[in-house]
Amino acid sequence: MSDRFVVPAAPVVVEEIIKRSRFLTVIERIQTGAEARALQARLKAQHPEASHHCLAFVAGPPGCTRDIGASDDGEPAGSAGRPMLNVLLGSEVGQLAAVSVRYYGGTKLGVGGLVRAYAGGVKLALESLTTQPFVPMSQLEVRGEYADLPMVEYLVQQHNGEVLAPHFDTGIRLELALPTAELAAFEADLRQRSGGRLVIDKPSQG
């Protein structure tokens, strides 16, 4: 599977009123099914009075069915999550989840009406979605002394990475994520600037 594809650059939210029901459709970038379900749970907490919080996600590259999912969240089977998922699978965007929050307005839409409403909300959100190229990332761990922290943080920034989690004890232990293409240069710079005293754990693909 090619690493050359696009992912959401920023969350997007669109709103529609369909036969007095209010639909809020949210699209965000995710990388796992767990992150997609966390998004659904967050929107349930933000909209506790809504009648449904339907979910669809594609955690891998565009069209890849290895890590996908959908939830009707109480709507008739197949009327919400699957139509939303079909739109995502055809979108040519990877690593994204859509949650549609429905406030029931008192008028039933029927299964066909629900399919059109939920799929249409995702299509509308995708029209507003900005994207960016997917960048393969690697994770690694660096251990050293407190005095090394500014230098490590500077190099991480210079190589377009980020510190995922810092740990402080008798020394520092930093969990890092860097673009895979930058990894060799980052390690070389780190060893040169530290005189080889820092410990770099073997990276894993992320």
N, C-alpha and C. Protein backbone atom coordinates (compact mmCIF):
# COMPACT_ATOMS: atom_id res chain seq x y z
N MET A 1 0.85 -1.19 0.00
CA MET A 1 0.00 0.00 0.00
C MET A 1 0.89 1.24 0.00
N SER A 2 0.61 2.19 -0.90
CA SER A 2 1.44 3.39 -1.03
C SER A 2 1.31 4.28 0.20
N ASP A 3 2.45 4.91 0.57
CA ASP A 3 2.43 5.89 1.66
C ASP A 3 2.05 7.27 1.17
N ARG A 4 1.79 7.42 -0.13
CA ARG A 4 1.49 8.73 -0.69
C ARG A 4 -0.02 8.95 -0.75
N PHE A 5 -0.53 9.63 0.25
CA PHE A 5 -1.94 9.98 0.27
C PHE A 5 -2.13 11.18 1.18
N VAL A 6 -3.36 11.68 1.26
CA VAL A 6 -3.60 12.85 2.10
C VAL A 6 -4.47 12.48 3.29
N VAL A 7 -4.36 13.28 4.35
CA VAL A 7 -5.11 13.10 5.59
C VAL A 7 -5.71 14.45 5.97
N PRO A 8 -6.71 14.46 6.87
CA PRO A 8 -7.26 15.76 7.30
C PRO A 8 -6.21 16.63 7.94
N ALA A 9 -6.22 17.92 7.57
CA ALA A 9 -5.28 18.88 8.16
C ALA A 9 -5.87 19.54 9.40
N ALA A 10 -7.20 19.58 9.48
CA ALA A 10 -7.88 20.22 10.62
C ALA A 10 -9.30 19.66 10.71
N PRO A 11 -9.88 19.65 11.89
CA PRO A 11 -11.26 19.19 12.03
C PRO A 11 -12.22 20.09 11.26
N VAL A 12 -13.35 19.53 10.87
CA VAL A 12 -14.40 20.30 10.21
C VAL A 12 -15.75 19.92 10.80
N VAL A 13 -16.64 20.89 10.92
CA VAL A 13 -17.99 20.67 11.44
C VAL A 13 -18.99 21.35 10.51
N VAL A 14 -20.02 20.62 10.11
CA VAL A 14 -21.09 21.22 9.31
C VAL A 14 -22.42 20.91 9.97
N GLU A 15 -23.40 21.77 9.72
CA GLU A 15 -24.72 21.61 10.34
C GLU A 15 -25.81 21.69 9.27
N GLU A 16 -26.81 20.82 9.39
CA GLU A 16 -27.96 20.84 8.50
C GLU A 16 -29.24 20.64 9.31
N ILE A 17 -30.33 21.22 8.86
CA ILE A 17 -31.65 20.94 9.41
C ILE A 17 -32.44 20.20 8.33
N ILE A 18 -32.86 18.98 8.63
CA ILE A 18 -33.60 18.16 7.68
C ILE A 18 -34.90 17.72 8.35
N LYS A 19 -36.00 18.25 7.86
CA LYS A 19 -37.32 17.94 8.42
C LYS A 19 -37.32 18.08 9.94
N ARG A 20 -36.81 19.22 10.38
CA ARG A 20 -36.77 19.62 11.79
C ARG A 20 -35.76 18.87 12.64
N SER A 21 -35.09 17.85 12.09
CA SER A 21 -33.98 17.23 12.80
C SER A 21 -32.70 18.00 12.51
N ARG A 22 -31.91 18.21 13.55
CA ARG A 22 -30.64 18.92 13.40
C ARG A 22 -29.51 17.89 13.34
N PHE A 23 -28.70 17.99 12.28
CA PHE A 23 -27.57 17.08 12.08
C PHE A 23 -26.27 17.88 12.14
N LEU A 24 -25.38 17.50 13.07
CA LEU A 24 -24.03 18.05 13.13
C LEU A 24 -23.07 16.95 12.70
N THR A 25 -22.33 17.18 11.63
CA THR A 25 -21.37 16.19 11.15
C THR A 25 -19.96 16.71 11.39
N VAL A 26 -19.16 15.90 12.08
CA VAL A 26 -17.79 16.25 12.45
C VAL A 26 -16.84 15.27 11.79
N ILE A 27 -15.80 15.79 11.15
CA ILE A 27 -14.74 14.94 10.61
C ILE A 27 -13.42 15.37 11.23
N GLU A 28 -12.67 14.39 11.73
CA GLU A 28 -11.35 14.65 12.31
C GLU A 28 -10.38 13.57 11.86
N ARG A 29 -9.09 13.87 11.98
CA ARG A 29 -8.08 12.87 11.69
C ARG A 29 -7.95 11.89 12.86
N ILE A 30 -7.87 10.62 12.55
CA ILE A 30 -7.61 9.58 13.55
C ILE A 30 -6.61 8.60 12.93
N GLN A 31 -5.97 7.82 13.78
CA GLN A 31 -5.01 6.82 13.28
C GLN A 31 -5.35 5.41 13.74
N THR A 32 -6.34 5.28 14.62
CA THR A 32 -6.77 3.96 15.09
C THR A 32 -8.27 3.97 15.32
N GLY A 33 -8.85 2.78 15.36
CA GLY A 33 -10.26 2.67 15.70
C GLY A 33 -10.55 3.19 17.09
N ALA A 34 -9.60 3.01 18.00
CA ALA A 34 -9.79 3.50 19.37
C ALA A 34 -9.91 5.02 19.39
N GLU A 35 -9.14 5.70 18.55
CA GLU A 35 -9.23 7.16 18.49
C GLU A 35 -10.58 7.59 17.90
N ALA A 36 -11.08 6.82 16.93
CA ALA A 36 -12.39 7.14 16.35
C ALA A 36 -13.49 6.99 17.39
N ARG A 37 -13.43 5.92 18.16
CA ARG A 37 -14.46 5.71 19.19
C ARG A 37 -14.34 6.74 20.32
N ALA A 38 -13.10 7.20 20.57
CA ALA A 38 -12.92 8.26 21.55
C ALA A 38 -13.55 9.57 21.07
N LEU A 39 -13.47 9.82 19.77
CA LEU A 39 -14.13 11.00 19.19
C LEU A 39 -15.64 10.89 19.37
N GLN A 40 -16.19 9.73 19.10
CA GLN A 40 -17.63 9.51 19.28
C GLN A 40 -18.03 9.72 20.73
N ALA A 41 -17.23 9.21 21.66
CA ALA A 41 -17.53 9.36 23.09
C ALA A 41 -17.45 10.83 23.50
N ARG A 42 -16.49 11.55 22.95
CA ARG A 42 -16.36 12.98 23.28
C ARG A 42 -17.56 13.77 22.80
N LEU A 43 -18.05 13.45 21.61
CA LEU A 43 -19.22 14.17 21.10
C LEU A 43 -20.49 13.77 21.85
N LYS A 44 -20.55 12.53 22.32
CA LYS A 44 -21.69 12.15 23.17
C LYS A 44 -21.69 12.97 24.45
N ALA A 45 -20.50 13.19 25.00
CA ALA A 45 -20.41 13.99 26.22
C ALA A 45 -20.74 15.46 25.96
N GLN A 46 -20.37 15.95 24.78
CA GLN A 46 -20.64 17.35 24.44
C GLN A 46 -22.10 17.58 24.05
N HIS A 47 -22.77 16.54 23.55
CA HIS A 47 -24.16 16.65 23.09
C HIS A 47 -25.01 15.55 23.74
N PRO A 48 -25.14 15.60 25.07
CA PRO A 48 -25.85 14.52 25.77
C PRO A 48 -27.34 14.45 25.44
N GLU A 49 -27.92 15.55 24.96
CA GLU A 49 -29.35 15.56 24.68
C GLU A 49 -29.67 15.13 23.24
N ALA A 50 -28.65 14.90 22.42
CA ALA A 50 -28.88 14.42 21.06
C ALA A 50 -29.38 12.99 21.10
N SER A 51 -30.17 12.61 20.09
CA SER A 51 -30.75 11.27 20.08
C SER A 51 -29.80 10.21 19.54
N HIS A 52 -28.87 10.59 18.66
CA HIS A 52 -27.95 9.63 18.06
C HIS A 52 -26.59 10.29 17.81
N HIS A 53 -25.54 9.46 17.89
CA HIS A 53 -24.17 9.91 17.62
C HIS A 53 -23.54 8.82 16.75
N CYS A 54 -23.77 8.89 15.45
CA CYS A 54 -23.38 7.80 14.54
C CYS A 54 -21.94 7.99 14.06
N LEU A 55 -21.26 6.87 13.87
CA LEU A 55 -19.81 6.89 13.62
C LEU A 55 -19.45 6.10 12.37
N ALA A 56 -18.43 6.59 11.66
CA ALA A 56 -17.77 5.83 10.60
C ALA A 56 -16.31 6.26 10.58
N PHE A 57 -15.41 5.32 10.32
CA PHE A 57 -13.99 5.69 10.27
C PHE A 57 -13.20 4.78 9.33
N VAL A 58 -12.15 5.37 8.77
CA VAL A 58 -11.14 4.66 7.97
C VAL A 58 -9.80 5.04 8.57
N ALA A 59 -9.19 4.13 9.32
CA ALA A 59 -7.97 4.47 10.05
C ALA A 59 -6.71 4.33 9.20
N GLY A 60 -6.82 3.68 8.06
CA GLY A 60 -5.66 3.47 7.19
C GLY A 60 -5.69 4.37 5.98
N PRO A 61 -4.99 3.97 4.91
CA PRO A 61 -4.98 4.75 3.67
C PRO A 61 -6.36 4.79 3.03
N PRO A 62 -6.58 5.69 2.07
CA PRO A 62 -7.88 5.80 1.42
C PRO A 62 -8.34 4.47 0.81
N GLY A 63 -9.59 4.13 1.10
CA GLY A 63 -10.17 2.92 0.54
C GLY A 63 -9.74 1.63 1.20
N CYS A 64 -8.77 1.67 2.12
CA CYS A 64 -8.28 0.47 2.78
C CYS A 64 -9.30 -0.01 3.81
N THR A 65 -9.68 -1.28 3.72
CA THR A 65 -10.71 -1.82 4.61
C THR A 65 -10.12 -2.61 5.78
N ARG A 66 -8.82 -2.49 5.99
CA ARG A 66 -8.18 -3.27 7.07
C ARG A 66 -8.60 -2.78 8.45
N ASP A 67 -8.76 -1.47 8.61
CA ASP A 67 -9.12 -0.90 9.92
C ASP A 67 -10.22 0.14 9.71
N ILE A 68 -11.44 -0.37 9.56
CA ILE A 68 -12.60 0.50 9.35
C ILE A 68 -13.67 0.12 10.35
N GLY A 69 -14.68 0.97 10.47
CA GLY A 69 -15.78 0.66 11.38
C GLY A 69 -16.93 1.62 11.19
N ALA A 70 -18.08 1.22 11.70
CA ALA A 70 -19.27 2.05 11.59
C ALA A 70 -20.23 1.70 12.71
N SER A 71 -21.01 2.69 13.15
CA SER A 71 -22.00 2.49 14.21
C SER A 71 -23.25 3.29 13.89
N ASP A 72 -24.41 2.62 13.94
CA ASP A 72 -25.69 3.30 13.73
C ASP A 72 -26.19 3.99 15.00
N ASP A 73 -25.64 3.61 16.15
CA ASP A 73 -25.98 4.23 17.43
C ASP A 73 -27.48 4.38 17.64
N GLY A 74 -28.21 3.28 17.41
CA GLY A 74 -29.64 3.29 17.69
C GLY A 74 -30.53 3.60 16.50
N GLU A 75 -29.97 4.10 15.41
CA GLU A 75 -30.76 4.27 14.19
C GLU A 75 -31.02 2.90 13.57
N PRO A 76 -32.01 2.75 12.67
CA PRO A 76 -32.26 1.46 12.02
C PRO A 76 -30.99 0.91 11.37
N ALA A 77 -30.79 -0.40 11.48
CA ALA A 77 -29.56 -1.03 11.00
C ALA A 77 -29.27 -0.66 9.55
N GLY A 78 -28.05 -0.21 9.30
CA GLY A 78 -27.63 0.11 7.95
C GLY A 78 -28.05 1.46 7.44
N SER A 79 -28.71 2.27 8.28
CA SER A 79 -29.25 3.55 7.80
C SER A 79 -28.32 4.72 8.05
N ALA A 80 -27.25 4.52 8.83
CA ALA A 80 -26.41 5.66 9.23
C ALA A 80 -24.92 5.36 9.07
N GLY A 81 -24.39 4.50 9.92
CA GLY A 81 -22.95 4.24 9.92
C GLY A 81 -22.41 3.74 8.60
N ARG A 82 -23.08 2.76 7.99
CA ARG A 82 -22.58 2.20 6.73
C ARG A 82 -22.64 3.21 5.58
N PRO A 83 -23.73 3.95 5.41
CA PRO A 83 -23.72 4.98 4.36
C PRO A 83 -22.62 6.03 4.58
N MET A 84 -22.39 6.40 5.83
CA MET A 84 -21.30 7.34 6.14
C MET A 84 -19.95 6.74 5.76
N LEU A 85 -19.77 5.46 6.11
CA LEU A 85 -18.51 4.78 5.81
C LEU A 85 -18.28 4.69 4.31
N ASN A 86 -19.32 4.40 3.54
CA ASN A 86 -19.16 4.30 2.09
C ASN A 86 -18.66 5.61 1.50
N VAL A 87 -19.14 6.74 2.04
CA VAL A 87 -18.67 8.04 1.56
C VAL A 87 -17.19 8.22 1.91
N LEU A 88 -16.80 7.87 3.13
CA LEU A 88 -15.40 7.99 3.52
C LEU A 88 -14.49 7.12 2.66
N LEU A 89 -14.93 5.90 2.39
CA LEU A 89 -14.11 4.98 1.59
C LEU A 89 -13.90 5.49 0.17
N GLY A 90 -14.82 6.27 -0.33
CA GLY A 90 -14.69 6.81 -1.67
C GLY A 90 -14.10 8.20 -1.73
N SER A 91 -13.60 8.70 -0.61
CA SER A 91 -13.21 10.11 -0.53
C SER A 91 -11.78 10.40 -0.96
N GLU A 92 -10.93 9.36 -1.09
CA GLU A 92 -9.52 9.53 -1.42
C GLU A 92 -8.75 10.26 -0.31
N VAL A 93 -9.29 10.21 0.90
CA VAL A 93 -8.62 10.75 2.09
C VAL A 93 -8.46 9.60 3.08
N GLY A 94 -7.32 9.52 3.75
CA GLY A 94 -7.09 8.47 4.73
C GLY A 94 -7.09 8.99 6.15
N GLN A 95 -7.10 8.06 7.09
CA GLN A 95 -6.99 8.36 8.52
C GLN A 95 -8.01 9.40 8.97
N LEU A 96 -9.29 9.10 8.76
CA LEU A 96 -10.32 10.06 9.17
C LEU A 96 -11.52 9.34 9.75
N ALA A 97 -12.21 10.06 10.62
CA ALA A 97 -13.45 9.57 11.23
C ALA A 97 -14.52 10.64 11.08
N ALA A 98 -15.76 10.18 10.92
CA ALA A 98 -16.91 11.08 10.87
C ALA A 98 -17.90 10.68 11.94
N VAL A 99 -18.38 11.63 12.69
CA VAL A 99 -19.45 11.42 13.66
C VAL A 99 -20.59 12.37 13.30
N SER A 100 -21.79 11.81 13.17
CA SER A 100 -22.96 12.63 12.89
C SER A 100 -23.85 12.64 14.13
N VAL A 101 -24.04 13.82 14.69
CA VAL A 101 -24.86 14.00 15.88
C VAL A 101 -26.25 14.46 15.43
N ARG A 102 -27.27 13.68 15.81
CA ARG A 102 -28.63 14.04 15.40
C ARG A 102 -29.49 14.42 16.59
N TYR A 103 -30.10 15.59 16.48
CA TYR A 103 -31.15 16.00 17.41
C TYR A 103 -32.49 15.75 16.71
N TYR A 104 -33.22 14.77 17.20
CA TYR A 104 -34.48 14.39 16.55
C TYR A 104 -35.51 15.52 16.64
N GLY A 105 -36.12 15.83 15.49
CA GLY A 105 -37.03 16.96 15.44
C GLY A 105 -38.50 16.60 15.45
N GLY A 106 -38.80 15.29 15.60
CA GLY A 106 -40.20 14.89 15.70
C GLY A 106 -40.79 14.33 14.43
N THR A 107 -40.08 14.42 13.32
CA THR A 107 -40.56 13.88 12.04
C THR A 107 -39.67 12.73 11.61
N LYS A 108 -40.25 11.55 11.44
CA LYS A 108 -39.46 10.40 11.01
C LYS A 108 -39.05 10.57 9.55
N LEU A 109 -37.81 10.19 9.24
CA LEU A 109 -37.28 10.34 7.88
C LEU A 109 -37.41 9.06 7.07
N GLY A 110 -37.65 7.92 7.73
CA GLY A 110 -37.63 6.65 7.02
C GLY A 110 -36.20 6.22 6.75
N VAL A 111 -36.01 4.93 6.45
CA VAL A 111 -34.65 4.42 6.24
C VAL A 111 -33.97 5.14 5.08
N GLY A 112 -34.70 5.31 3.97
CA GLY A 112 -34.11 5.99 2.83
C GLY A 112 -33.74 7.42 3.13
N GLY A 113 -34.58 8.11 3.87
CA GLY A 113 -34.29 9.48 4.25
C GLY A 113 -33.09 9.57 5.18
N LEU A 114 -32.97 8.60 6.08
CA LEU A 114 -31.82 8.58 6.98
C LEU A 114 -30.53 8.34 6.21
N VAL A 115 -30.55 7.40 5.28
CA VAL A 115 -29.36 7.13 4.47
C VAL A 115 -28.91 8.40 3.75
N ARG A 116 -29.86 9.10 3.15
CA ARG A 116 -29.51 10.33 2.43
C ARG A 116 -29.00 11.40 3.38
N ALA A 117 -29.61 11.51 4.56
CA ALA A 117 -29.20 12.54 5.51
C ALA A 117 -27.79 12.29 6.05
N TYR A 118 -27.53 11.06 6.48
CA TYR A 118 -26.22 10.77 7.07
C TYR A 118 -25.11 10.78 6.02
N ALA A 119 -25.36 10.17 4.86
CA ALA A 119 -24.35 10.19 3.79
C ALA A 119 -24.14 11.61 3.29
N GLY A 120 -25.23 12.36 3.17
CA GLY A 120 -25.13 13.73 2.69
C GLY A 120 -24.36 14.63 3.62
N GLY A 121 -24.51 14.42 4.94
CA GLY A 121 -23.76 15.21 5.90
C GLY A 121 -22.26 15.00 5.77
N VAL A 122 -21.86 13.74 5.56
CA VAL A 122 -20.42 13.45 5.40
C VAL A 122 -19.91 14.07 4.10
N LYS A 123 -20.69 13.96 3.02
CA LYS A 123 -20.28 14.58 1.75
C LYS A 123 -20.10 16.09 1.92
N LEU A 124 -21.03 16.71 2.62
CA LEU A 124 -20.96 18.16 2.84
C LEU A 124 -19.72 18.52 3.66
N ALA A 125 -19.43 17.73 4.69
CA ALA A 125 -18.25 18.00 5.51
C ALA A 125 -16.97 17.83 4.70
N LEU A 126 -16.93 16.81 3.83
CA LEU A 126 -15.74 16.59 3.02
C LEU A 126 -15.49 17.74 2.06
N GLU A 127 -16.54 18.42 1.63
CA GLU A 127 -16.36 19.57 0.74
C GLU A 127 -15.62 20.71 1.43
N SER A 128 -15.71 20.78 2.76
CA SER A 128 -15.04 21.84 3.53
C SER A 128 -13.71 21.39 4.12
N LEU A 129 -13.39 20.11 3.95
CA LEU A 129 -12.21 19.54 4.60
C LEU A 129 -10.92 19.99 3.91
N THR A 130 -9.96 20.47 4.70
CA THR A 130 -8.62 20.73 4.18
C THR A 130 -7.75 19.52 4.47
N THR A 131 -6.81 19.23 3.57
CA THR A 131 -5.97 18.04 3.71
C THR A 131 -4.50 18.41 3.63
N GLN A 132 -3.69 17.45 4.05
CA GLN A 132 -2.24 17.60 3.96
C GLN A 132 -1.64 16.24 3.64
N PRO A 133 -0.44 16.18 3.07
CA PRO A 133 0.16 14.89 2.75
C PRO A 133 0.43 14.06 4.01
N PHE A 134 0.21 12.76 3.91
CA PHE A 134 0.55 11.84 4.99
C PHE A 134 2.06 11.72 5.08
N VAL A 135 2.59 11.84 6.29
CA VAL A 135 4.03 11.72 6.52
C VAL A 135 4.28 10.50 7.40
N PRO A 136 4.94 9.43 6.87
CA PRO A 136 5.26 8.27 7.71
C PRO A 136 6.14 8.70 8.89
N MET A 137 5.76 8.25 10.08
CA MET A 137 6.48 8.64 11.29
C MET A 137 7.11 7.42 11.95
N SER A 138 8.21 7.66 12.64
CA SER A 138 8.85 6.64 13.47
C SER A 138 8.95 7.15 14.89
N GLN A 139 8.89 6.22 15.84
CA GLN A 139 9.01 6.59 17.24
C GLN A 139 10.31 6.05 17.81
N LEU A 140 10.89 6.80 18.70
CA LEU A 140 12.11 6.38 19.37
C LEU A 140 12.19 7.02 20.74
N GLU A 141 13.17 6.58 21.49
CA GLU A 141 13.34 7.07 22.86
C GLU A 141 14.77 7.52 23.03
N VAL A 142 14.95 8.67 23.66
CA VAL A 142 16.28 9.20 23.93
C VAL A 142 16.44 9.38 25.43
N ARG A 143 17.56 8.92 25.94
CA ARG A 143 17.83 9.05 27.37
C ARG A 143 19.15 9.79 27.58
N GLY A 144 19.15 10.68 28.56
CA GLY A 144 20.36 11.44 28.84
C GLY A 144 20.26 12.22 30.14
N GLU A 145 21.03 13.30 30.22
CA GLU A 145 21.06 14.13 31.41
C GLU A 145 20.16 15.35 31.23
N TYR A 146 19.80 15.98 32.35
CA TYR A 146 18.94 17.17 32.28
C TYR A 146 19.55 18.27 31.41
N ALA A 147 20.86 18.38 31.44
CA ALA A 147 21.53 19.42 30.65
C ALA A 147 21.35 19.21 29.15
N ASP A 148 21.02 17.99 28.76
CA ASP A 148 20.86 17.68 27.34
C ASP A 148 19.49 18.10 26.79
N LEU A 149 18.55 18.40 27.69
CA LEU A 149 17.16 18.60 27.25
C LEU A 149 17.00 19.71 26.20
N PRO A 150 17.55 20.92 26.39
CA PRO A 150 17.35 21.96 25.37
C PRO A 150 17.88 21.56 24.00
N MET A 151 19.03 20.89 23.98
CA MET A 151 19.63 20.48 22.71
C MET A 151 18.76 19.44 22.00
N VAL A 152 18.24 18.48 22.76
CA VAL A 152 17.39 17.45 22.15
C VAL A 152 16.11 18.08 21.62
N GLU A 153 15.50 18.95 22.41
CA GLU A 153 14.26 19.60 21.96
C GLU A 153 14.50 20.43 20.70
N TYR A 154 15.64 21.11 20.64
CA TYR A 154 15.98 21.91 19.46
C TYR A 154 16.10 21.02 18.22
N LEU A 155 16.80 19.90 18.35
CA LEU A 155 16.99 19.02 17.20
C LEU A 155 15.67 18.36 16.76
N VAL A 156 14.84 18.03 17.72
CA VAL A 156 13.52 17.47 17.37
C VAL A 156 12.75 18.47 16.53
N GLN A 157 12.77 19.73 16.94
CA GLN A 157 12.07 20.77 16.19
C GLN A 157 12.69 20.95 14.79
N GLN A 158 14.01 20.94 14.72
CA GLN A 158 14.70 21.13 13.44
C GLN A 158 14.37 20.02 12.45
N HIS A 159 14.08 18.83 12.95
CA HIS A 159 13.80 17.68 12.09
C HIS A 159 12.29 17.38 12.01
N ASN A 160 11.48 18.39 12.32
CA ASN A 160 10.02 18.31 12.14
C ASN A 160 9.37 17.20 12.96
N GLY A 161 9.93 16.94 14.15
CA GLY A 161 9.36 15.92 15.02
C GLY A 161 8.62 16.53 16.19
N GLU A 162 8.25 15.68 17.13
CA GLU A 162 7.60 16.17 18.34
C GLU A 162 7.94 15.28 19.52
N VAL A 163 7.94 15.87 20.70
CA VAL A 163 8.14 15.12 21.94
C VAL A 163 6.78 14.59 22.37
N LEU A 164 6.60 13.27 22.36
CA LEU A 164 5.33 12.67 22.74
C LEU A 164 5.13 12.65 24.24
N ALA A 165 6.19 12.30 24.95
CA ALA A 165 6.08 12.21 26.42
C ALA A 165 7.46 12.37 27.04
N PRO A 166 7.65 13.38 27.88
CA PRO A 166 8.91 13.50 28.62
C PRO A 166 8.80 12.81 29.98
N HIS A 167 9.87 12.16 30.39
CA HIS A 167 9.92 11.51 31.70
C HIS A 167 11.18 12.02 32.42
N PHE A 168 11.00 12.44 33.67
CA PHE A 168 12.11 13.01 34.43
C PHE A 168 12.30 12.21 35.72
N ASP A 169 13.54 11.75 35.90
CA ASP A 169 13.89 11.03 37.13
C ASP A 169 15.30 11.47 37.50
N THR A 170 16.23 10.54 37.57
CA THR A 170 17.62 10.93 37.79
C THR A 170 18.20 11.56 36.52
N GLY A 171 17.56 11.26 35.38
CA GLY A 171 17.92 11.86 34.11
C GLY A 171 16.65 12.13 33.32
N ILE A 172 16.80 12.31 32.01
CA ILE A 172 15.62 12.51 31.16
C ILE A 172 15.41 11.29 30.26
N ARG A 173 14.16 11.01 29.98
CA ARG A 173 13.80 9.97 29.00
C ARG A 173 12.67 10.55 28.15
N LEU A 174 12.94 10.74 26.88
CA LEU A 174 11.99 11.40 26.00
C LEU A 174 11.48 10.43 24.93
N GLU A 175 10.16 10.28 24.86
CA GLU A 175 9.55 9.53 23.78
C GLU A 175 9.29 10.50 22.63
N LEU A 176 9.82 10.19 21.45
CA LEU A 176 9.79 11.10 20.32
C LEU A 176 9.10 10.48 19.12
N ALA A 177 8.55 11.33 18.28
CA ALA A 177 8.06 10.92 16.97
C ALA A 177 8.68 11.83 15.93
N LEU A 178 9.29 11.21 14.91
CA LEU A 178 9.92 11.98 13.85
C LEU A 178 9.55 11.40 12.49
N PRO A 179 9.52 12.25 11.45
CA PRO A 179 9.32 11.71 10.11
C PRO A 179 10.37 10.65 9.82
N THR A 180 9.96 9.52 9.30
CA THR A 180 10.88 8.42 9.04
C THR A 180 12.03 8.87 8.16
N ALA A 181 11.76 9.74 7.20
CA ALA A 181 12.80 10.21 6.29
C ALA A 181 13.85 11.07 7.00
N GLU A 182 13.52 11.61 8.17
CA GLU A 182 14.44 12.48 8.91
C GLU A 182 15.22 11.72 9.98
N LEU A 183 14.87 10.45 10.16
CA LEU A 183 15.38 9.73 11.33
C LEU A 183 16.90 9.60 11.34
N ALA A 184 17.50 9.19 10.23
CA ALA A 184 18.95 8.98 10.18
C ALA A 184 19.69 10.29 10.44
N ALA A 185 19.22 11.37 9.84
CA ALA A 185 19.88 12.66 10.02
C ALA A 185 19.75 13.14 11.47
N PHE A 186 18.57 12.91 12.07
CA PHE A 186 18.37 13.30 13.46
C PHE A 186 19.33 12.54 14.37
N GLU A 187 19.44 11.24 14.18
CA GLU A 187 20.32 10.44 15.03
C GLU A 187 21.77 10.88 14.86
N ALA A 188 22.17 11.17 13.63
CA ALA A 188 23.54 11.61 13.39
C ALA A 188 23.82 12.94 14.08
N ASP A 189 22.88 13.89 13.96
CA ASP A 189 23.05 15.19 14.62
C ASP A 189 23.10 15.03 16.13
N LEU A 190 22.24 14.15 16.65
CA LEU A 190 22.18 13.95 18.09
C LEU A 190 23.49 13.38 18.62
N ARG A 191 24.01 12.39 17.92
CA ARG A 191 25.27 11.77 18.37
C ARG A 191 26.43 12.77 18.27
N GLN A 192 26.45 13.57 17.22
CA GLN A 192 27.53 14.53 17.04
C GLN A 192 27.51 15.59 18.13
N ARG A 193 26.33 16.13 18.40
CA ARG A 193 26.22 17.23 19.37
C ARG A 193 26.41 16.76 20.81
N SER A 194 26.07 15.51 21.08
CA SER A 194 26.18 15.00 22.46
C SER A 194 27.48 14.27 22.70
N GLY A 195 28.29 14.14 21.64
CA GLY A 195 29.52 13.38 21.80
C GLY A 195 29.27 11.89 22.00
N GLY A 196 28.07 11.44 21.60
CA GLY A 196 27.75 10.02 21.69
C GLY A 196 27.29 9.57 23.06
N ARG A 197 27.08 10.50 24.00
CA ARG A 197 26.73 10.08 25.36
C ARG A 197 25.24 9.77 25.54
N LEU A 198 24.39 10.25 24.63
CA LEU A 198 22.97 9.96 24.76
C LEU A 198 22.65 8.55 24.28
N VAL A 199 21.68 7.94 24.92
CA VAL A 199 21.23 6.60 24.54
C VAL A 199 20.00 6.73 23.66
N ILE A 200 20.07 6.14 22.46
CA ILE A 200 18.95 6.16 21.53
C ILE A 200 18.43 4.74 21.37
N ASP A 201 17.19 4.53 21.78
CA ASP A 201 16.57 3.22 21.64
C ASP A 201 16.11 3.01 20.21
N LYS A 202 16.10 1.75 19.81
CA LYS A 202 15.73 1.40 18.43
C LYS A 202 14.32 1.90 18.12
N PRO A 203 14.15 2.61 17.01
CA PRO A 203 12.82 3.15 16.69
C PRO A 203 11.87 2.09 16.18
N SER A 204 10.58 2.42 16.25
CA SER A 204 9.55 1.56 15.68
C SER A 204 8.70 2.39 14.75
N GLN A 205 8.14 1.76 13.72
CA GLN A 205 7.30 2.51 12.77
C GLN A 205 6.02 2.92 13.45
N GLY A 206 5.52 4.14 13.14
CA GLY A 206 4.30 4.64 13.73
C GLY A 206 3.38 5.20 12.69
